[in-house]
Every structure is written in structure tokens, then in C-alpha cells.
Amino acid sequence: MVIKHDDYMIKRLQDPIFQKKWIEETMRDYIETGDYNAFFRGLEYVIKSRMTVAQFAKNIGMDRVQLTDILHGKNKNPSLQTITKILSGFGYTLSISEQIA
């Protein structure tokens, strides 16, 4: 039996500890590389591990089409407020910490 990567990731991300580490790593990678698509694809996996994109959008008070456009790279410049809203929907907040060289 062959398991698709997307299906594996969605199942794996149902583990809350793995999910938190995943979000931290995708955020760190995004800051280092600027790879928008990888970052928002990672967030999409988290959403789909919890519910549908439509349900998540409704839960955070966002239009489903707007959220889908962000996740699929059609809107590559979401505001900090929008990113915060998405992370808040996961139960997380953004924080600032000093870089250690």
C-alpha cells in the first residue's frame, strides 16, 4: 500500500507536539529562506490535520477564498495581522526573541 506524502503529513500533524515543532520549523525556514510557498504549504497541512480549510476560515473569521489564495501563493503578501490570525486559529501566538549568534 502506497501512502501519499500529503496524507502522511496530515496524519502525522495530528500529534500536537509534532504539530508545534512543525510550525516552529516552517516559520524558522521561512525567515531564513523566504520560501513563501513552503511556509504556507506547511500551514495548510496543519489546517487539514484539524479540519477543512473552509471550516478553519470560518473559525478565524476569514473568507475561505482569501485563505486559499494565501495558502496557494496567489496572495504572497498577507499582512502580519492575517498571519497572526491564522496562527491564533491554531492556538499559537507570535513572539520575538533575541537571536543568538
PDB file of N, CA and C in Angstrom:
ATOM      1  N   MET A   1       0.843  -1.181   0.000  1.00  0.00           N
ATOM      2  CA  MET A   1       0.000   0.000   0.000  1.00  0.00           C
ATOM      3  C   MET A   1       0.887   1.243   0.000  1.00  0.00           C
ATOM      4  N   VAL A   2       0.607   2.140  -0.904  1.00  0.00           N
ATOM      5  CA  VAL A   2       1.375   3.376  -1.024  1.00  0.00           C
ATOM      6  C   VAL A   2       0.622   4.494  -0.302  1.00  0.00           C
ATOM      7  N   ILE A   3       1.353   5.219   0.543  1.00  0.00           N
ATOM      8  CA  ILE A   3       0.763   6.350   1.253  1.00  0.00           C
ATOM      9  C   ILE A   3       1.289   7.627   0.613  1.00  0.00           C
ATOM     10  N   LYS A   4       0.399   8.509   0.232  1.00  0.00           N
ATOM     11  CA  LYS A   4       0.786   9.781  -0.361  1.00  0.00           C
ATOM     12  C   LYS A   4       1.407  10.674   0.706  1.00  0.00           C
ATOM     13  N   HIS A   5       2.391  11.466   0.287  1.00  0.00           N
ATOM     14  CA  HIS A   5       3.086  12.375   1.213  1.00  0.00           C
ATOM     15  C   HIS A   5       2.109  13.289   1.932  1.00  0.00           C
ATOM     16  N   ASP A   6       1.190  13.907   1.203  1.00  0.00           N
ATOM     17  CA  ASP A   6       0.230  14.824   1.827  1.00  0.00           C
ATOM     18  C   ASP A   6      -0.590  14.109   2.898  1.00  0.00           C
ATOM     19  N   ASP A   7      -1.055  12.908   2.591  1.00  0.00           N
ATOM     20  CA  ASP A   7      -1.849  12.146   3.559  1.00  0.00           C
ATOM     21  C   ASP A   7      -1.022  11.798   4.791  1.00  0.00           C
ATOM     22  N   TYR A   8       0.240  11.421   4.574  1.00  0.00           N
ATOM     23  CA  TYR A   8       1.123  11.100   5.693  1.00  0.00           C
ATOM     24  C   TYR A   8       1.311  12.321   6.594  1.00  0.00           C
ATOM     25  N   MET A   9       1.601  13.475   5.991  1.00  0.00           N
ATOM     26  CA  MET A   9       1.852  14.687   6.771  1.00  0.00           C
ATOM     27  C   MET A   9       0.608  15.101   7.551  1.00  0.00           C
ATOM     28  N   ILE A  10      -0.536  15.039   6.925  1.00  0.00           N
ATOM     29  CA  ILE A  10      -1.778  15.420   7.601  1.00  0.00           C
ATOM     30  C   ILE A  10      -2.022  14.499   8.794  1.00  0.00           C
ATOM     31  N   LYS A  11      -1.777  13.221   8.626  1.00  0.00           N
ATOM     32  CA  LYS A  11      -1.943  12.271   9.740  1.00  0.00           C
ATOM     33  C   LYS A  11      -0.907  12.540  10.833  1.00  0.00           C
ATOM     34  N   ARG A  12       0.336  12.749  10.438  1.00  0.00           N
ATOM     35  CA  ARG A  12       1.425  12.977  11.404  1.00  0.00           C
ATOM     36  C   ARG A  12       1.192  14.251  12.209  1.00  0.00           C
ATOM     37  N   LEU A  13       0.637  15.264  11.561  1.00  0.00           N
ATOM     38  CA  LEU A  13       0.410  16.554  12.216  1.00  0.00           C
ATOM     39  C   LEU A  13      -0.766  16.538  13.186  1.00  0.00           C
ATOM     40  N   GLN A  14      -1.433  15.426  13.317  1.00  0.00           N
ATOM     41  CA  GLN A  14      -2.487  15.323  14.327  1.00  0.00           C
ATOM     42  C   GLN A  14      -1.896  15.198  15.731  1.00  0.00           C
ATOM     43  N   ASP A  15      -0.608  14.893  15.800  1.00  0.00           N
ATOM     44  CA  ASP A  15       0.098  14.854  17.087  1.00  0.00           C
ATOM     45  C   ASP A  15       0.433  16.297  17.480  1.00  0.00           C
ATOM     46  N   PRO A  16      -0.121  16.801  18.593  1.00  0.00           N
ATOM     47  CA  PRO A  16       0.067  18.209  18.974  1.00  0.00           C
ATOM     48  C   PRO A  16       1.528  18.610  19.176  1.00  0.00           C
ATOM     49  N   ILE A  17       2.351  17.721  19.695  1.00  0.00           N
ATOM     50  CA  ILE A  17       3.770  18.045  19.919  1.00  0.00           C
ATOM     51  C   ILE A  17       4.486  18.175  18.580  1.00  0.00           C
ATOM     52  N   PHE A  18       4.241  17.217  17.687  1.00  0.00           N
ATOM     53  CA  PHE A  18       4.850  17.282  16.359  1.00  0.00           C
ATOM     54  C   PHE A  18       4.362  18.526  15.617  1.00  0.00           C
ATOM     55  N   GLN A  19       3.078  18.821  15.754  1.00  0.00           N
ATOM     56  CA  GLN A  19       2.495  19.973  15.076  1.00  0.00           C
ATOM     57  C   GLN A  19       3.166  21.277  15.513  1.00  0.00           C
ATOM     58  N   LYS A  20       3.371  21.451  16.798  1.00  0.00           N
ATOM     59  CA  LYS A  20       4.016  22.667  17.302  1.00  0.00           C
ATOM     60  C   LYS A  20       5.436  22.783  16.757  1.00  0.00           C
ATOM     61  N   LYS A  21       6.180  21.697  16.793  1.00  0.00           N
ATOM     62  CA  LYS A  21       7.551  21.715  16.270  1.00  0.00           C
ATOM     63  C   LYS A  21       7.554  21.987  14.765  1.00  0.00           C
ATOM     64  N   TRP A  22       6.592  21.435  14.066  1.00  0.00           N
ATOM     65  CA  TRP A  22       6.462  21.638  12.619  1.00  0.00           C
ATOM     66  C   TRP A  22       6.253  23.123  12.307  1.00  0.00           C
ATOM     67  N   ILE A  23       5.341  23.749  13.030  1.00  0.00           N
ATOM     68  CA  ILE A  23       5.073  25.173  12.793  1.00  0.00           C
ATOM     69  C   ILE A  23       6.316  26.007  13.117  1.00  0.00           C
ATOM     70  N   GLU A  24       6.982  25.696  14.213  1.00  0.00           N
ATOM     71  CA  GLU A  24       8.210  26.416  14.569  1.00  0.00           C
ATOM     72  C   GLU A  24       9.262  26.278  13.478  1.00  0.00           C
ATOM     73  N   GLU A  25       9.443  25.072  12.969  1.00  0.00           N
ATOM     74  CA  GLU A  25      10.443  24.836  11.926  1.00  0.00           C
ATOM     75  C   GLU A  25      10.070  25.506  10.604  1.00  0.00           C
ATOM     76  N   THR A  26       8.810  25.427  10.224  1.00  0.00           N
ATOM     77  CA  THR A  26       8.421  26.064   8.963  1.00  0.00           C
ATOM     78  C   THR A  26       8.557  27.578   9.061  1.00  0.00           C
ATOM     79  N   MET A  27       8.282  28.133  10.236  1.00  0.00           N
ATOM     80  CA  MET A  27       8.459  29.572  10.443  1.00  0.00           C
ATOM     81  C   MET A  27       9.947  29.933  10.370  1.00  0.00           C
ATOM     82  N   ARG A  28      10.774  29.135  11.026  1.00  0.00           N
ATOM     83  CA  ARG A  28      12.222  29.381  11.019  1.00  0.00           C
ATOM     84  C   ARG A  28      12.782  29.285   9.597  1.00  0.00           C
ATOM     85  N   ASP A  29      12.353  28.253   8.868  1.00  0.00           N
ATOM     86  CA  ASP A  29      12.799  28.105   7.480  1.00  0.00           C
ATOM     87  C   ASP A  29      12.354  29.282   6.623  1.00  0.00           C
ATOM     88  N   TYR A  30      11.131  29.736   6.826  1.00  0.00           N
ATOM     89  CA  TYR A  30      10.618  30.870   6.056  1.00  0.00           C
ATOM     90  C   TYR A  30      11.448  32.123   6.324  1.00  0.00           C
ATOM     91  N   ILE A  31      11.791  32.360   7.574  1.00  0.00           N
ATOM     92  CA  ILE A  31      12.604  33.529   7.922  1.00  0.00           C
ATOM     93  C   ILE A  31      13.979  33.425   7.271  1.00  0.00           C
ATOM     94  N   GLU A  32      14.562  32.232   7.254  1.00  0.00           N
ATOM     95  CA  GLU A  32      15.898  32.034   6.697  1.00  0.00           C
ATOM     96  C   GLU A  32      15.923  32.041   5.178  1.00  0.00           C
ATOM     97  N   THR A  33      14.911  31.432   4.548  1.00  0.00           N
ATOM     98  CA  THR A  33      14.958  31.251   3.093  1.00  0.00           C
ATOM     99  C   THR A  33      14.015  32.167   2.323  1.00  0.00           C
ATOM    100  N   GLY A  34      12.964  32.641   2.997  1.00  0.00           N
ATOM    101  CA  GLY A  34      11.962  33.444   2.303  1.00  0.00           C
ATOM    102  C   GLY A  34      11.074  32.617   1.393  1.00  0.00           C
ATOM    103  N   ASP A  35      11.090  31.299   1.552  1.00  0.00           N
ATOM    104  CA  ASP A  35      10.297  30.417   0.691  1.00  0.00           C
ATOM    105  C   ASP A  35       8.835  30.444   1.134  1.00  0.00           C
ATOM    106  N   TYR A  36       8.110  31.384   0.561  1.00  0.00           N
ATOM    107  CA  TYR A  36       6.697  31.603   0.880  1.00  0.00           C
ATOM    108  C   TYR A  36       5.879  30.335   0.684  1.00  0.00           C
ATOM    109  N   ASN A  37       6.060  29.695  -0.470  1.00  0.00           N
ATOM    110  CA  ASN A  37       5.233  28.537  -0.805  1.00  0.00           C
ATOM    111  C   ASN A  37       5.406  27.405   0.196  1.00  0.00           C
ATOM    112  N   ALA A  38       6.637  27.135   0.601  1.00  0.00           N
ATOM    113  CA  ALA A  38       6.874  26.058   1.568  1.00  0.00           C
ATOM    114  C   ALA A  38       6.230  26.399   2.916  1.00  0.00           C
ATOM    115  N   PHE A  39       6.342  27.645   3.346  1.00  0.00           N
ATOM    116  CA  PHE A  39       5.777  28.057   4.623  1.00  0.00           C
ATOM    117  C   PHE A  39       4.262  27.884   4.643  1.00  0.00           C
ATOM    118  N   PHE A  40       3.596  28.426   3.653  1.00  0.00           N
ATOM    119  CA  PHE A  40       2.140  28.355   3.657  1.00  0.00           C
ATOM    120  C   PHE A  40       1.612  26.972   3.309  1.00  0.00           C
ATOM    121  N   ARG A  41       2.384  26.185   2.574  1.00  0.00           N
ATOM    122  CA  ARG A  41       2.003  24.783   2.345  1.00  0.00           C
ATOM    123  C   ARG A  41       2.063  24.045   3.683  1.00  0.00           C
ATOM    124  N   GLY A  42       3.076  24.357   4.484  1.00  0.00           N
ATOM    125  CA  GLY A  42       3.181  23.763   5.811  1.00  0.00           C
ATOM    126  C   GLY A  42       1.997  24.112   6.690  1.00  0.00           C
ATOM    127  N   LEU A  43       1.554  25.365   6.625  1.00  0.00           N
ATOM    128  CA  LEU A  43       0.381  25.776   7.399  1.00  0.00           C
ATOM    129  C   LEU A  43      -0.877  25.075   6.890  1.00  0.00           C
ATOM    130  N   GLU A  44      -0.947  24.869   5.595  1.00  0.00           N
ATOM    131  CA  GLU A  44      -2.114  24.179   5.034  1.00  0.00           C
ATOM    132  C   GLU A  44      -2.189  22.736   5.558  1.00  0.00           C
ATOM    133  N   TYR A  45      -1.047  22.073   5.671  1.00  0.00           N
ATOM    134  CA  TYR A  45      -1.039  20.727   6.248  1.00  0.00           C
ATOM    135  C   TYR A  45      -1.611  20.748   7.665  1.00  0.00           C
ATOM    136  N   VAL A  46      -1.217  21.745   8.446  1.00  0.00           N
ATOM    137  CA  VAL A  46      -1.704  21.840   9.823  1.00  0.00           C
ATOM    138  C   VAL A  46      -3.219  22.032   9.828  1.00  0.00           C
ATOM    139  N   ILE A  47      -3.695  22.940   8.989  1.00  0.00           N
ATOM    140  CA  ILE A  47      -5.140  23.169   8.914  1.00  0.00           C
ATOM    141  C   ILE A  47      -5.858  21.867   8.582  1.00  0.00           C
ATOM    142  N   LYS A  48      -5.391  21.170   7.550  1.00  0.00           N
ATOM    143  CA  LYS A  48      -6.064  19.950   7.099  1.00  0.00           C
ATOM    144  C   LYS A  48      -5.939  18.806   8.106  1.00  0.00           C
ATOM    145  N   SER A  49      -4.956  18.892   9.001  1.00  0.00           N
ATOM    146  CA  SER A  49      -4.859  17.867  10.042  1.00  0.00           C
ATOM    147  C   SER A  49      -5.931  18.074  11.106  1.00  0.00           C
ATOM    148  N   ARG A  50      -6.514  19.284  11.127  1.00  0.00           N
ATOM    149  CA  ARG A  50      -7.520  19.616  12.139  1.00  0.00           C
ATOM    150  C   ARG A  50      -8.940  19.618  11.580  1.00  0.00           C
ATOM    151  N   MET A  51      -9.093  20.143  10.371  1.00  0.00           N
ATOM    152  CA  MET A  51     -10.430  20.318   9.779  1.00  0.00           C
ATOM    153  C   MET A  51     -10.259  20.730   8.322  1.00  0.00           C
ATOM    154  N   THR A  52     -11.336  21.063   7.657  1.00  0.00           N
ATOM    155  CA  THR A  52     -11.225  21.544   6.276  1.00  0.00           C
ATOM    156  C   THR A  52     -10.778  23.005   6.280  1.00  0.00           C
ATOM    157  N   VAL A  53     -10.255  23.439   5.162  1.00  0.00           N
ATOM    158  CA  VAL A  53      -9.853  24.842   5.023  1.00  0.00           C
ATOM    159  C   VAL A  53     -11.069  25.746   5.203  1.00  0.00           C
ATOM    160  N   ALA A  54     -12.210  25.344   4.666  1.00  0.00           N
ATOM    161  CA  ALA A  54     -13.434  26.147   4.797  1.00  0.00           C
ATOM    162  C   ALA A  54     -13.839  26.294   6.263  1.00  0.00           C
ATOM    163  N   GLN A  55     -13.783  25.204   7.028  1.00  0.00           N
ATOM    164  CA  GLN A  55     -14.129  25.275   8.452  1.00  0.00           C
ATOM    165  C   GLN A  55     -13.148  26.160   9.210  1.00  0.00           C
ATOM    166  N   PHE A  56     -11.865  26.008   8.906  1.00  0.00           N
ATOM    167  CA  PHE A  56     -10.847  26.808   9.587  1.00  0.00           C
ATOM    168  C   PHE A  56     -11.051  28.287   9.283  1.00  0.00           C
ATOM    169  N   ALA A  57     -11.285  28.608   8.011  1.00  0.00           N
ATOM    170  CA  ALA A  57     -11.508  30.009   7.622  1.00  0.00           C
ATOM    171  C   ALA A  57     -12.692  30.583   8.386  1.00  0.00           C
ATOM    172  N   LYS A  58     -13.758  29.821   8.473  1.00  0.00           N
ATOM    173  CA  LYS A  58     -14.937  30.276   9.208  1.00  0.00           C
ATOM    174  C   LYS A  58     -14.602  30.493  10.684  1.00  0.00           C
ATOM    175  N   ASN A  59     -13.861  29.560  11.276  1.00  0.00           N
ATOM    176  CA  ASN A  59     -13.493  29.666  12.687  1.00  0.00           C
ATOM    177  C   ASN A  59     -12.680  30.925  13.000  1.00  0.00           C
ATOM    178  N   ILE A  60     -11.832  31.336  12.061  1.00  0.00           N
ATOM    179  CA  ILE A  60     -10.986  32.506  12.324  1.00  0.00           C
ATOM    180  C   ILE A  60     -11.576  33.792  11.730  1.00  0.00           C
ATOM    181  N   GLY A  61     -12.769  33.696  11.153  1.00  0.00           N
ATOM    182  CA  GLY A  61     -13.429  34.882  10.613  1.00  0.00           C
ATOM    183  C   GLY A  61     -12.807  35.401   9.336  1.00  0.00           C
ATOM    184  N   MET A  62     -12.361  34.479   8.495  1.00  0.00           N
ATOM    185  CA  MET A  62     -11.725  34.850   7.237  1.00  0.00           C
ATOM    186  C   MET A  62     -12.488  34.216   6.085  1.00  0.00           C
ATOM    187  N   ASP A  63     -12.517  34.883   4.972  1.00  0.00           N
ATOM    188  CA  ASP A  63     -13.136  34.336   3.776  1.00  0.00           C
ATOM    189  C   ASP A  63     -12.325  33.141   3.288  1.00  0.00           C
ATOM    190  N   ARG A  64     -12.999  32.041   2.961  1.00  0.00           N
ATOM    191  CA  ARG A  64     -12.319  30.827   2.523  1.00  0.00           C
ATOM    192  C   ARG A  64     -11.461  31.058   1.291  1.00  0.00           C
ATOM    193  N   VAL A  65     -11.979  31.821   0.346  1.00  0.00           N
ATOM    194  CA  VAL A  65     -11.231  32.090  -0.881  1.00  0.00           C
ATOM    195  C   VAL A  65      -9.961  32.880  -0.568  1.00  0.00           C
ATOM    196  N   GLN A  66     -10.072  33.858   0.318  1.00  0.00           N
ATOM    197  CA  GLN A  66      -8.902  34.641   0.713  1.00  0.00           C
ATOM    198  C   GLN A  66      -7.848  33.747   1.361  1.00  0.00           C
ATOM    199  N   LEU A  67      -8.275  32.863   2.253  1.00  0.00           N
ATOM    200  CA  LEU A  67      -7.341  31.953   2.911  1.00  0.00           C
ATOM    201  C   LEU A  67      -6.708  31.008   1.896  1.00  0.00           C
ATOM    202  N   THR A  68      -7.512  30.445   1.008  1.00  0.00           N
ATOM    203  CA  THR A  68      -6.985  29.549  -0.020  1.00  0.00           C
ATOM    204  C   THR A  68      -5.977  30.269  -0.908  1.00  0.00           C
ATOM    205  N   ASP A  69      -6.262  31.510  -1.279  1.00  0.00           N
ATOM    206  CA  ASP A  69      -5.322  32.288  -2.089  1.00  0.00           C
ATOM    207  C   ASP A  69      -3.991  32.466  -1.366  1.00  0.00           C
ATOM    208  N   ILE A  70      -4.026  32.695  -0.071  1.00  0.00           N
ATOM    209  CA  ILE A  70      -2.797  32.833   0.717  1.00  0.00           C
ATOM    210  C   ILE A  70      -2.048  31.507   0.742  1.00  0.00           C
ATOM    211  N   LEU A  71      -2.743  30.437   1.031  1.00  0.00           N
ATOM    212  CA  LEU A  71      -2.107  29.124   1.148  1.00  0.00           C
ATOM    213  C   LEU A  71      -1.502  28.644  -0.162  1.00  0.00           C
ATOM    214  N   HIS A  72      -2.091  29.038  -1.285  1.00  0.00           N
ATOM    215  CA  HIS A  72      -1.624  28.570  -2.588  1.00  0.00           C
ATOM    216  C   HIS A  72      -0.781  29.590  -3.333  1.00  0.00           C
ATOM    217  N   GLY A  73      -0.377  30.647  -2.651  1.00  0.00           N
ATOM    218  CA  GLY A  73       0.564  31.589  -3.242  1.00  0.00           C
ATOM    219  C   GLY A  73      -0.026  32.626  -4.168  1.00  0.00           C
ATOM    220  N   LYS A  74      -1.337  32.753  -4.219  1.00  0.00           N
ATOM    221  CA  LYS A  74      -1.944  33.783  -5.074  1.00  0.00           C
ATOM    222  C   LYS A  74      -1.900  35.143  -4.402  1.00  0.00           C
ATOM    223  N   ASN A  75      -1.789  35.155  -3.086  1.00  0.00           N
ATOM    224  CA  ASN A  75      -1.602  36.386  -2.325  1.00  0.00           C
ATOM    225  C   ASN A  75      -0.342  36.189  -1.509  1.00  0.00           C
ATOM    226  N   LYS A  76       0.789  36.636  -2.037  1.00  0.00           N
ATOM    227  CA  LYS A  76       2.070  36.402  -1.385  1.00  0.00           C
ATOM    228  C   LYS A  76       2.455  37.519  -0.428  1.00  0.00           C
ATOM    229  N   ASN A  77       1.505  38.341  -0.076  1.00  0.00           N
ATOM    230  CA  ASN A  77       1.826  39.441   0.825  1.00  0.00           C
ATOM    231  C   ASN A  77       0.736  39.615   1.887  1.00  0.00           C
ATOM    232  N   PRO A  78       0.434  38.537   2.623  1.00  0.00           N
ATOM    233  CA  PRO A  78      -0.575  38.713   3.665  1.00  0.00           C
ATOM    234  C   PRO A  78      -0.029  39.603   4.775  1.00  0.00           C
ATOM    235  N   SER A  79      -0.905  40.320   5.405  1.00  0.00           N
ATOM    236  CA  SER A  79      -0.477  41.218   6.480  1.00  0.00           C
ATOM    237  C   SER A  79      -0.051  40.415   7.700  1.00  0.00           C
ATOM    238  N   LEU A  80       0.685  41.047   8.575  1.00  0.00           N
ATOM    239  CA  LEU A  80       1.065  40.430   9.837  1.00  0.00           C
ATOM    240  C   LEU A  80      -0.186  40.071  10.627  1.00  0.00           C
ATOM    241  N   GLN A  81      -1.201  40.923  10.532  1.00  0.00           N
ATOM    242  CA  GLN A  81      -2.469  40.653  11.211  1.00  0.00           C
ATOM    243  C   GLN A  81      -3.089  39.347  10.705  1.00  0.00           C
ATOM    244  N   THR A  82      -3.016  39.109   9.409  1.00  0.00           N
ATOM    245  CA  THR A  82      -3.575  37.895   8.829  1.00  0.00           C
ATOM    246  C   THR A  82      -2.782  36.668   9.274  1.00  0.00           C
ATOM    247  N   ILE A  83      -1.467  36.759   9.253  1.00  0.00           N
ATOM    248  CA  ILE A  83      -0.629  35.642   9.705  1.00  0.00           C
ATOM    249  C   ILE A  83      -0.903  35.351  11.174  1.00  0.00           C
ATOM    250  N   THR A  84      -1.023  36.413  11.970  1.00  0.00           N
ATOM    251  CA  THR A  84      -1.325  36.256  13.392  1.00  0.00           C
ATOM    252  C   THR A  84      -2.681  35.596  13.583  1.00  0.00           C
ATOM    253  N   LYS A  85      -3.646  35.960  12.759  1.00  0.00           N
ATOM    254  CA  LYS A  85      -4.987  35.367  12.842  1.00  0.00           C
ATOM    255  C   LYS A  85      -4.930  33.866  12.551  1.00  0.00           C
ATOM    256  N   ILE A  86      -4.152  33.484  11.557  1.00  0.00           N
ATOM    257  CA  ILE A  86      -4.012  32.068  11.215  1.00  0.00           C
ATOM    258  C   ILE A  86      -3.354  31.311  12.368  1.00  0.00           C
ATOM    259  N   LEU A  87      -2.243  31.843  12.874  1.00  0.00           N
ATOM    260  CA  LEU A  87      -1.550  31.176  13.978  1.00  0.00           C
ATOM    261  C   LEU A  87      -2.421  31.116  15.222  1.00  0.00           C
ATOM    262  N   SER A  88      -3.171  32.170  15.463  1.00  0.00           N
ATOM    263  CA  SER A  88      -4.086  32.200  16.603  1.00  0.00           C
ATOM    264  C   SER A  88      -5.156  31.115  16.460  1.00  0.00           C
ATOM    265  N   GLY A  89      -5.579  30.867  15.235  1.00  0.00           N
ATOM    266  CA  GLY A  89      -6.545  29.802  14.980  1.00  0.00           C
ATOM    267  C   GLY A  89      -6.013  28.432  15.350  1.00  0.00           C
ATOM    268  N   PHE A  90      -4.683  28.290  15.346  1.00  0.00           N
ATOM    269  CA  PHE A  90      -4.045  27.048  15.780  1.00  0.00           C
ATOM    270  C   PHE A  90      -3.851  27.024  17.296  1.00  0.00           C
ATOM    271  N   GLY A  91      -4.062  28.186  17.930  1.00  0.00           N
ATOM    272  CA  GLY A  91      -3.816  28.277  19.365  1.00  0.00           C
ATOM    273  C   GLY A  91      -2.421  28.774  19.688  1.00  0.00           C
ATOM    274  N   TYR A  92      -1.756  29.390  18.713  1.00  0.00           N
ATOM    275  CA  TYR A  92      -0.392  29.886  18.893  1.00  0.00           C
ATOM    276  C   TYR A  92      -0.349  31.398  18.767  1.00  0.00           C
ATOM    277  N   THR A  93       0.725  31.984  19.257  1.00  0.00           N
ATOM    278  CA  THR A  93       0.971  33.407  19.097  1.00  0.00           C
ATOM    279  C   THR A  93       2.364  33.594  18.518  1.00  0.00           C
ATOM    280  N   LEU A  94       2.586  34.757  17.955  1.00  0.00           N
ATOM    281  CA  LEU A  94       3.935  35.128  17.515  1.00  0.00           C
ATOM    282  C   LEU A  94       4.668  35.739  18.697  1.00  0.00           C
ATOM    283  N   SER A  95       5.946  35.506  18.758  1.00  0.00           N
ATOM    284  CA  SER A  95       6.739  36.162  19.793  1.00  0.00           C
ATOM    285  C   SER A  95       8.094  36.532  19.200  1.00  0.00           C
ATOM    286  N   ILE A  96       8.727  37.435  19.847  1.00  0.00           N
ATOM    287  CA  ILE A  96      10.032  37.925  19.420  1.00  0.00           C
ATOM    288  C   ILE A  96      11.065  37.446  20.418  1.00  0.00           C
ATOM    289  N   SER A  97      12.176  36.943  19.914  1.00  0.00           N
ATOM    290  CA  SER A  97      13.271  36.567  20.799  1.00  0.00           C
ATOM    291  C   SER A  97      14.579  37.015  20.174  1.00  0.00           C
ATOM    292  N   GLU A  98      15.535  37.219  21.004  1.00  0.00           N
ATOM    293  CA  GLU A  98      16.845  37.675  20.553  1.00  0.00           C
ATOM    294  C   GLU A  98      17.570  36.542  19.859  1.00  0.00           C
ATOM    295  N   GLN A  99      18.207  36.868  18.728  1.00  0.00           N
ATOM    296  CA  GLN A  99      18.981  35.855  18.021  1.00  0.00           C
ATOM    297  C   GLN A  99      20.289  35.613  18.780  1.00  0.00           C
ATOM    298  N   ILE A 100      20.642  34.389  18.877  1.00  0.00           N
ATOM    299  CA  ILE A 100      21.911  34.040  19.492  1.00  0.00           C
ATOM    300  C   ILE A 100      22.863  33.644  18.368  1.00  0.00           C
ATOM    301  N   ALA A 101      23.933  34.392  18.242  1.00  0.00           N
ATOM    302  CA  ALA A 101      24.878  34.161  17.140  1.00  0.00           C
ATOM    303  C   ALA A 101      25.745  32.950  17.347  1.00  0.00           C
TER     304      ALA A 101
END
